[in-house]
């Protein structure tokens, strides 16, 4: 059984754009206001998916994942060396 790791380069969120229906519940729930719909892109379902606008400001609080009805978020905590700074 392998350990799952966040993709490199590190990002606090991985968003499964192909499942996002653009409901904006996550946008409203984000305390740092770093999520927004990508109006320049339409996914395979015909919706504008959510995107992370400022990764450096994301705290990995997972509020977005908690409210998402389609489970599009994978949330990663910052690597230990980045958290201590």
N, C-alpha and C. Protein backbone atom coordinates (compact mmCIF):
# COMPACT_ATOMS: atom_id res chain seq x y z
N UNK A 1 0.84 -1.16 0.00
CA UNK A 1 0.00 0.00 0.00
C UNK A 1 0.89 1.24 0.00
N UNK A 2 0.88 2.03 -1.07
CA UNK A 2 1.73 3.21 -1.18
C UNK A 2 1.12 4.43 -0.52
N UNK A 3 1.96 5.37 -0.21
CA UNK A 3 1.51 6.62 0.37
C UNK A 3 1.14 7.57 -0.75
N UNK A 4 -0.04 8.18 -0.65
CA UNK A 4 -0.45 9.16 -1.66
C UNK A 4 0.23 10.48 -1.35
N UNK A 5 0.74 11.12 -2.35
CA UNK A 5 1.39 12.41 -2.19
C UNK A 5 0.75 13.41 -3.13
N UNK A 6 0.85 14.68 -2.76
CA UNK A 6 0.31 15.71 -3.63
C UNK A 6 1.20 15.81 -4.87
N UNK A 7 0.62 16.29 -5.96
CA UNK A 7 1.41 16.41 -7.19
C UNK A 7 2.52 17.45 -7.04
N UNK A 8 3.56 17.28 -7.82
CA UNK A 8 4.66 18.25 -7.81
C UNK A 8 4.52 19.14 -9.02
N UNK A 9 4.69 20.42 -8.99
CA UNK A 9 4.97 21.18 -7.79
C UNK A 9 3.77 21.18 -6.84
N UNK A 10 4.03 21.41 -5.57
CA UNK A 10 3.00 21.30 -4.56
C UNK A 10 1.88 22.31 -4.80
N UNK A 11 0.66 21.86 -4.57
CA UNK A 11 -0.52 22.71 -4.64
C UNK A 11 -1.46 22.30 -3.52
N UNK A 12 -2.17 23.23 -2.89
CA UNK A 12 -3.05 22.87 -1.79
C UNK A 12 -4.31 22.14 -2.22
N UNK A 13 -4.72 22.34 -3.47
CA UNK A 13 -5.95 21.70 -3.96
C UNK A 13 -5.72 21.06 -5.31
N UNK A 14 -6.33 19.90 -5.49
CA UNK A 14 -6.43 19.29 -6.81
C UNK A 14 -7.92 19.29 -7.11
N UNK A 15 -8.30 19.87 -8.22
CA UNK A 15 -9.70 20.01 -8.58
C UNK A 15 -10.01 19.12 -9.77
N UNK A 16 -10.99 18.23 -9.61
CA UNK A 16 -11.43 17.37 -10.71
C UNK A 16 -12.41 18.18 -11.55
N UNK A 17 -11.87 18.99 -12.44
CA UNK A 17 -12.68 19.90 -13.25
C UNK A 17 -13.78 19.20 -14.02
N UNK A 18 -13.52 17.98 -14.47
CA UNK A 18 -14.49 17.27 -15.30
C UNK A 18 -15.78 16.91 -14.56
N UNK A 19 -15.75 16.96 -13.21
CA UNK A 19 -16.96 16.65 -12.43
C UNK A 19 -17.65 17.89 -11.88
N UNK A 20 -17.03 19.06 -12.00
CA UNK A 20 -17.56 20.29 -11.41
C UNK A 20 -18.76 20.79 -12.20
N UNK A 21 -19.84 21.12 -11.50
CA UNK A 21 -21.05 21.64 -12.13
C UNK A 21 -21.21 23.14 -11.94
N UNK A 22 -20.19 23.80 -11.42
CA UNK A 22 -20.21 25.25 -11.30
C UNK A 22 -21.26 25.81 -10.37
N UNK A 23 -21.59 25.11 -9.30
CA UNK A 23 -22.64 25.55 -8.38
C UNK A 23 -22.20 26.71 -7.50
N UNK A 24 -20.91 26.92 -7.37
CA UNK A 24 -20.30 28.01 -6.59
C UNK A 24 -20.49 27.89 -5.07
N UNK A 25 -20.91 26.74 -4.56
CA UNK A 25 -20.98 26.56 -3.11
C UNK A 25 -19.60 26.69 -2.49
N UNK A 26 -18.60 26.16 -3.15
CA UNK A 26 -17.23 26.24 -2.65
C UNK A 26 -16.72 27.68 -2.66
N UNK A 27 -17.07 28.43 -3.68
CA UNK A 27 -16.66 29.83 -3.78
C UNK A 27 -17.19 30.61 -2.59
N UNK A 28 -18.45 30.38 -2.25
CA UNK A 28 -19.07 31.07 -1.11
C UNK A 28 -18.47 30.60 0.22
N UNK A 29 -18.05 29.35 0.30
CA UNK A 29 -17.54 28.80 1.56
C UNK A 29 -16.08 29.15 1.83
N UNK A 30 -15.34 29.55 0.83
CA UNK A 30 -13.90 29.80 0.98
C UNK A 30 -13.64 31.06 1.79
N UNK A 31 -13.03 30.93 2.99
CA UNK A 31 -12.77 32.11 3.82
C UNK A 31 -11.70 33.03 3.24
N UNK A 32 -10.82 32.53 2.42
CA UNK A 32 -9.74 33.34 1.83
C UNK A 32 -10.11 33.88 0.44
N UNK A 33 -11.26 33.49 -0.08
CA UNK A 33 -11.74 33.95 -1.39
C UNK A 33 -10.74 33.69 -2.51
N UNK A 34 -10.24 32.45 -2.55
CA UNK A 34 -9.26 32.08 -3.57
C UNK A 34 -9.83 31.11 -4.61
N UNK A 35 -11.14 30.93 -4.61
CA UNK A 35 -11.79 30.09 -5.62
C UNK A 35 -12.72 30.94 -6.47
N UNK A 36 -12.77 30.64 -7.76
CA UNK A 36 -13.66 31.35 -8.67
C UNK A 36 -13.98 30.45 -9.85
N UNK A 37 -15.11 30.70 -10.49
CA UNK A 37 -15.43 29.96 -11.70
C UNK A 37 -14.51 30.42 -12.82
N UNK A 38 -14.10 29.48 -13.65
CA UNK A 38 -13.24 29.77 -14.79
C UNK A 38 -14.15 30.04 -15.99
N UNK A 39 -14.48 31.29 -16.22
CA UNK A 39 -15.40 31.65 -17.30
C UNK A 39 -14.78 31.52 -18.68
N UNK A 40 -13.50 31.24 -18.75
CA UNK A 40 -12.82 31.04 -20.02
C UNK A 40 -12.74 29.59 -20.43
N UNK A 41 -13.34 28.70 -19.66
CA UNK A 41 -13.24 27.26 -19.91
C UNK A 41 -14.58 26.59 -19.63
N UNK A 42 -14.94 25.63 -20.45
CA UNK A 42 -16.16 24.83 -20.24
C UNK A 42 -15.72 23.37 -20.17
N UNK A 43 -16.18 22.66 -19.13
CA UNK A 43 -15.79 21.25 -18.99
C UNK A 43 -16.66 20.34 -19.84
N UNK A 44 -16.43 19.04 -19.76
CA UNK A 44 -17.17 18.07 -20.59
C UNK A 44 -18.66 18.02 -20.26
N UNK A 45 -19.04 18.50 -19.06
CA UNK A 45 -20.45 18.53 -18.68
C UNK A 45 -21.14 19.80 -19.18
N UNK A 46 -20.37 20.74 -19.71
CA UNK A 46 -20.93 21.97 -20.21
C UNK A 46 -20.98 23.10 -19.19
N UNK A 47 -20.23 22.97 -18.11
CA UNK A 47 -20.22 23.98 -17.05
C UNK A 47 -18.87 24.68 -16.98
N UNK A 48 -18.87 25.88 -16.42
CA UNK A 48 -17.62 26.56 -16.09
C UNK A 48 -17.15 25.99 -14.76
N UNK A 49 -16.01 25.29 -14.74
CA UNK A 49 -15.54 24.69 -13.49
C UNK A 49 -14.88 25.70 -12.58
N UNK A 50 -14.76 25.35 -11.33
CA UNK A 50 -14.09 26.21 -10.35
C UNK A 50 -12.57 26.08 -10.54
N UNK A 51 -11.86 27.14 -10.18
CA UNK A 51 -10.40 27.09 -10.23
C UNK A 51 -9.84 27.80 -9.02
N UNK A 52 -8.63 27.44 -8.67
CA UNK A 52 -7.90 28.06 -7.56
C UNK A 52 -7.17 29.27 -8.13
N UNK A 53 -7.50 30.46 -7.64
CA UNK A 53 -6.94 31.68 -8.20
C UNK A 53 -5.62 32.10 -7.56
N UNK A 54 -5.44 31.81 -6.28
CA UNK A 54 -4.21 32.19 -5.57
C UNK A 54 -3.80 31.07 -4.62
N UNK A 55 -3.04 30.14 -5.13
CA UNK A 55 -2.64 28.96 -4.35
C UNK A 55 -1.89 29.33 -3.08
N UNK A 56 -1.09 30.37 -3.12
CA UNK A 56 -0.29 30.76 -1.95
C UNK A 56 -1.16 31.22 -0.78
N UNK A 57 -2.35 31.72 -1.04
CA UNK A 57 -3.24 32.18 0.02
C UNK A 57 -4.14 31.08 0.57
N UNK A 58 -4.22 29.95 -0.10
CA UNK A 58 -5.06 28.83 0.35
C UNK A 58 -4.44 28.21 1.61
N UNK A 59 -5.27 28.00 2.64
CA UNK A 59 -4.79 27.43 3.90
C UNK A 59 -5.10 25.94 4.05
N UNK A 60 -5.65 25.32 3.03
CA UNK A 60 -6.04 23.90 3.07
C UNK A 60 -7.08 23.63 4.15
N UNK A 61 -7.98 24.58 4.38
CA UNK A 61 -9.00 24.42 5.43
C UNK A 61 -10.04 23.36 5.08
N UNK A 62 -10.20 23.07 3.80
CA UNK A 62 -11.12 22.05 3.29
C UNK A 62 -12.60 22.42 3.38
N UNK A 63 -12.92 23.68 3.63
CA UNK A 63 -14.33 24.09 3.61
C UNK A 63 -14.93 23.83 2.23
N UNK A 64 -14.15 24.05 1.18
CA UNK A 64 -14.63 23.82 -0.17
C UNK A 64 -15.02 22.35 -0.37
N UNK A 65 -14.19 21.45 0.10
CA UNK A 65 -14.45 20.02 -0.04
C UNK A 65 -15.67 19.58 0.77
N UNK A 66 -15.87 20.21 1.91
CA UNK A 66 -17.00 19.84 2.77
C UNK A 66 -18.34 20.20 2.15
N UNK A 67 -18.41 21.31 1.40
CA UNK A 67 -19.69 21.74 0.84
C UNK A 67 -19.92 21.25 -0.58
N UNK A 68 -18.92 20.71 -1.22
CA UNK A 68 -19.04 20.30 -2.63
C UNK A 68 -19.90 19.05 -2.78
N UNK A 69 -21.03 19.15 -3.50
CA UNK A 69 -21.90 17.99 -3.68
C UNK A 69 -21.32 16.95 -4.64
N UNK A 70 -20.32 17.33 -5.42
CA UNK A 70 -19.76 16.42 -6.41
C UNK A 70 -18.36 15.93 -6.09
N UNK A 71 -17.87 16.23 -4.89
CA UNK A 71 -16.56 15.75 -4.42
C UNK A 71 -15.45 15.98 -5.44
N UNK A 72 -15.30 17.22 -5.87
CA UNK A 72 -14.29 17.53 -6.88
C UNK A 72 -12.93 17.90 -6.29
N UNK A 73 -12.84 18.07 -4.97
CA UNK A 73 -11.61 18.55 -4.35
C UNK A 73 -10.83 17.45 -3.65
N UNK A 74 -9.51 17.48 -3.84
CA UNK A 74 -8.58 16.74 -3.01
C UNK A 74 -7.73 17.82 -2.34
N UNK A 75 -7.74 17.85 -1.02
CA UNK A 75 -7.06 18.91 -0.27
C UNK A 75 -5.79 18.36 0.34
N UNK A 76 -4.71 19.09 0.16
CA UNK A 76 -3.41 18.70 0.69
C UNK A 76 -2.93 19.74 1.69
N UNK A 77 -2.38 19.30 2.79
CA UNK A 77 -1.74 20.20 3.75
C UNK A 77 -0.36 20.57 3.21
N UNK A 78 0.11 21.73 3.58
CA UNK A 78 1.44 22.17 3.13
C UNK A 78 2.51 21.23 3.69
N UNK A 79 3.55 20.98 2.91
CA UNK A 79 4.66 20.17 3.43
C UNK A 79 5.21 20.81 4.71
N UNK A 80 5.71 20.01 5.61
CA UNK A 80 6.18 20.50 6.90
C UNK A 80 7.14 21.68 6.79
N UNK A 81 8.07 21.65 5.88
CA UNK A 81 9.04 22.73 5.77
C UNK A 81 8.36 24.04 5.36
N UNK A 82 7.27 24.00 4.61
CA UNK A 82 6.56 25.20 4.21
C UNK A 82 5.66 25.71 5.35
N UNK A 83 5.09 24.81 6.15
CA UNK A 83 4.23 25.21 7.25
C UNK A 83 4.98 25.97 8.32
N UNK A 84 6.24 25.64 8.54
CA UNK A 84 7.01 26.25 9.63
C UNK A 84 7.49 27.65 9.30
N UNK A 85 7.39 28.09 8.08
CA UNK A 85 7.90 29.42 7.70
C UNK A 85 6.98 30.52 8.12
